[in-house]
Amino acid sequence: MHSLGGAREELKDQLVSDYRTAEISDEDKLILAYAEKLTKEAYTIDIAYIDFLKSHGLSEHALHDIVQVSAYFSYVNLLADGLGVELETE
């Protein structure tokens, strides 16, 4: 990974360690929590959770984008893992 330098490097470390305690906005934490839930336990998401997200400021468009990006990365990771693709090293 390329060095982000200074404060950005510190933020990257915080996000990798635990986004819940990172110095990011509450909205960003909510987005990341939703992406994590989509990844780990999508089957638990119901209309009440969607309403909760909307009540905290996430729009239909934002929810759609989060689902699309999460699904894309899930697909790519499953494809790579299923075919035994090795990560490139620098």
C-alpha atoms as a PDB file:
ATOM      1  CA  MET A   1       0.000   0.000   0.000  1.00  0.00           C
ATOM      2  CA  HIS A   2       1.223   3.472  -0.788  1.00  0.00           C
ATOM      3  CA  SER A   3       2.030   5.703   2.148  1.00  0.00           C
ATOM      4  CA  LEU A   4      -0.679   8.243   2.832  1.00  0.00           C
ATOM      5  CA  GLY A   5       1.555  10.234   5.177  1.00  0.00           C
ATOM      6  CA  GLY A   6       0.873  12.127   8.402  1.00  0.00           C
ATOM      7  CA  ALA A   7      -2.669  12.360   9.674  1.00  0.00           C
ATOM      8  CA  ARG A   8      -4.024  10.323   6.767  1.00  0.00           C
ATOM      9  CA  GLU A   9      -1.722   7.440   7.702  1.00  0.00           C
ATOM     10  CA  GLU A  10      -2.964   7.649  11.297  1.00  0.00           C
ATOM     11  CA  LEU A  11      -6.588   7.620  10.112  1.00  0.00           C
ATOM     12  CA  LYS A  12      -5.878   4.596   7.906  1.00  0.00           C
ATOM     13  CA  ASP A  13      -4.451   2.785  10.952  1.00  0.00           C
ATOM     14  CA  GLN A  14      -7.526   3.710  12.996  1.00  0.00           C
ATOM     15  CA  LEU A  15      -9.876   2.437  10.299  1.00  0.00           C
ATOM     16  CA  VAL A  16      -7.992  -0.817   9.900  1.00  0.00           C
ATOM     17  CA  SER A  17      -7.881  -1.328  13.666  1.00  0.00           C
ATOM     18  CA  ASP A  18     -11.545  -0.480  14.431  1.00  0.00           C
ATOM     19  CA  TYR A  19     -13.642   2.025  12.496  1.00  0.00           C
ATOM     20  CA  ARG A  20     -15.912   2.419  15.546  1.00  0.00           C
ATOM     21  CA  THR A  21     -13.186   4.294  17.419  1.00  0.00           C
ATOM     22  CA  ALA A  22     -11.675   6.091  14.406  1.00  0.00           C
ATOM     23  CA  GLU A  23     -11.782   9.862  14.166  1.00  0.00           C
ATOM     24  CA  ILE A  24     -14.522   9.963  11.520  1.00  0.00           C
ATOM     25  CA  SER A  25     -18.033  11.374  11.489  1.00  0.00           C
ATOM     26  CA  ASP A  26     -20.972   9.535  13.014  1.00  0.00           C
ATOM     27  CA  GLU A  27     -22.445   9.253   9.509  1.00  0.00           C
ATOM     28  CA  ASP A  28     -19.268   7.559   8.246  1.00  0.00           C
ATOM     29  CA  LYS A  29     -19.401   5.130  11.183  1.00  0.00           C
ATOM     30  CA  LEU A  30     -23.038   4.380  10.353  1.00  0.00           C
ATOM     31  CA  ILE A  31     -22.118   3.724   6.715  1.00  0.00           C
ATOM     32  CA  LEU A  32     -19.284   1.405   7.716  1.00  0.00           C
ATOM     33  CA  ALA A  33     -21.529  -0.421  10.204  1.00  0.00           C
ATOM     34  CA  TYR A  34     -24.073  -0.967   7.431  1.00  0.00           C
ATOM     35  CA  ALA A  35     -21.385  -2.242   5.053  1.00  0.00           C
ATOM     36  CA  GLU A  36     -20.114  -4.593   7.762  1.00  0.00           C
ATOM     37  CA  LYS A  37     -23.638  -5.879   8.431  1.00  0.00           C
ATOM     38  CA  LEU A  38     -24.164  -6.424   4.690  1.00  0.00           C
ATOM     39  CA  THR A  39     -20.931  -8.399   4.559  1.00  0.00           C
ATOM     40  CA  LYS A  40     -21.313 -10.502   7.681  1.00  0.00           C
ATOM     41  CA  GLU A  41     -25.045 -10.864   8.332  1.00  0.00           C
ATOM     42  CA  ALA A  42     -27.132  -9.437   5.518  1.00  0.00           C
ATOM     43  CA  TYR A  43     -29.896 -11.890   6.399  1.00  0.00           C
ATOM     44  CA  THR A  44     -30.596  -9.859   9.581  1.00  0.00           C
ATOM     45  CA  ILE A  45     -31.376  -6.631   7.722  1.00  0.00           C
ATOM     46  CA  ASP A  46     -35.055  -5.773   7.741  1.00  0.00           C
ATOM     47  CA  ILE A  47     -37.211  -2.735   7.063  1.00  0.00           C
ATOM     48  CA  ALA A  48     -36.804  -1.560  10.663  1.00  0.00           C
ATOM     49  CA  TYR A  49     -33.014  -1.383  10.195  1.00  0.00           C
ATOM     50  CA  ILE A  50     -33.433   0.435   6.867  1.00  0.00           C
ATOM     51  CA  ASP A  51     -35.808   2.891   8.562  1.00  0.00           C
ATOM     52  CA  PHE A  52     -33.211   3.354  11.326  1.00  0.00           C
ATOM     53  CA  LEU A  53     -30.539   4.204   8.734  1.00  0.00           C
ATOM     54  CA  LYS A  54     -32.865   6.640   7.000  1.00  0.00           C
ATOM     55  CA  SER A  55     -33.794   8.273  10.295  1.00  0.00           C
ATOM     56  CA  HIS A  56     -30.089   8.951  10.804  1.00  0.00           C
ATOM     57  CA  GLY A  57     -29.759  10.763   7.505  1.00  0.00           C
ATOM     58  CA  LEU A  58     -28.913   8.095   4.948  1.00  0.00           C
ATOM     59  CA  SER A  59     -30.879   8.517   1.734  1.00  0.00           C
ATOM     60  CA  GLU A  60     -32.260   5.795  -0.524  1.00  0.00           C
ATOM     61  CA  HIS A  61     -29.526   6.714  -2.991  1.00  0.00           C
ATOM     62  CA  ALA A  62     -26.804   6.348  -0.341  1.00  0.00           C
ATOM     63  CA  LEU A  63     -28.178   2.984   0.788  1.00  0.00           C
ATOM     64  CA  HIS A  64     -28.253   1.787  -2.812  1.00  0.00           C
ATOM     65  CA  ASP A  65     -24.639   2.871  -3.357  1.00  0.00           C
ATOM     66  CA  ILE A  66     -23.478   1.168  -0.152  1.00  0.00           C
ATOM     67  CA  VAL A  67     -25.183  -2.085  -1.127  1.00  0.00           C
ATOM     68  CA  GLN A  68     -23.779  -1.936  -4.667  1.00  0.00           C
ATOM     69  CA  VAL A  69     -20.192  -1.325  -3.518  1.00  0.00           C
ATOM     70  CA  SER A  70     -20.421  -3.962  -0.778  1.00  0.00           C
ATOM     71  CA  ALA A  71     -21.873  -6.505  -3.208  1.00  0.00           C
ATOM     72  CA  TYR A  72     -19.201  -5.760  -5.800  1.00  0.00           C
ATOM     73  CA  PHE A  73     -16.339  -6.302  -3.356  1.00  0.00           C
ATOM     74  CA  SER A  74     -18.000  -9.443  -2.020  1.00  0.00           C
ATOM     75  CA  TYR A  75     -18.284 -10.765  -5.571  1.00  0.00           C
ATOM     76  CA  VAL A  76     -14.681  -9.933  -6.467  1.00  0.00           C
ATOM     77  CA  ASN A  77     -13.337 -11.477  -3.251  1.00  0.00           C
ATOM     78  CA  LEU A  78     -15.422 -14.631  -3.717  1.00  0.00           C
ATOM     79  CA  LEU A  79     -14.261 -14.918  -7.301  1.00  0.00           C
ATOM     80  CA  ALA A  80     -10.605 -14.460  -6.363  1.00  0.00           C
ATOM     81  CA  ASP A  81     -10.812 -16.819  -3.378  1.00  0.00           C
ATOM     82  CA  GLY A  82     -12.759 -19.437  -5.333  1.00  0.00           C
ATOM     83  CA  LEU A  83     -10.168 -19.481  -8.086  1.00  0.00           C
ATOM     84  CA  GLY A  84      -7.184 -19.399  -5.737  1.00  0.00           C
ATOM     85  CA  VAL A  85      -5.939 -16.053  -7.011  1.00  0.00           C
ATOM     86  CA  GLU A  86      -2.779 -15.016  -5.176  1.00  0.00           C
ATOM     87  CA  LEU A  87      -2.312 -11.422  -4.051  1.00  0.00           C
ATOM     88  CA  GLU A  88       0.415  -9.506  -5.807  1.00  0.00           C
ATOM     89  CA  THR A  89       3.337  -8.453  -3.639  1.00  0.00           C
ATOM     90  CA  GLU A  90       5.161  -5.184  -4.087  1.00  0.00           C
END
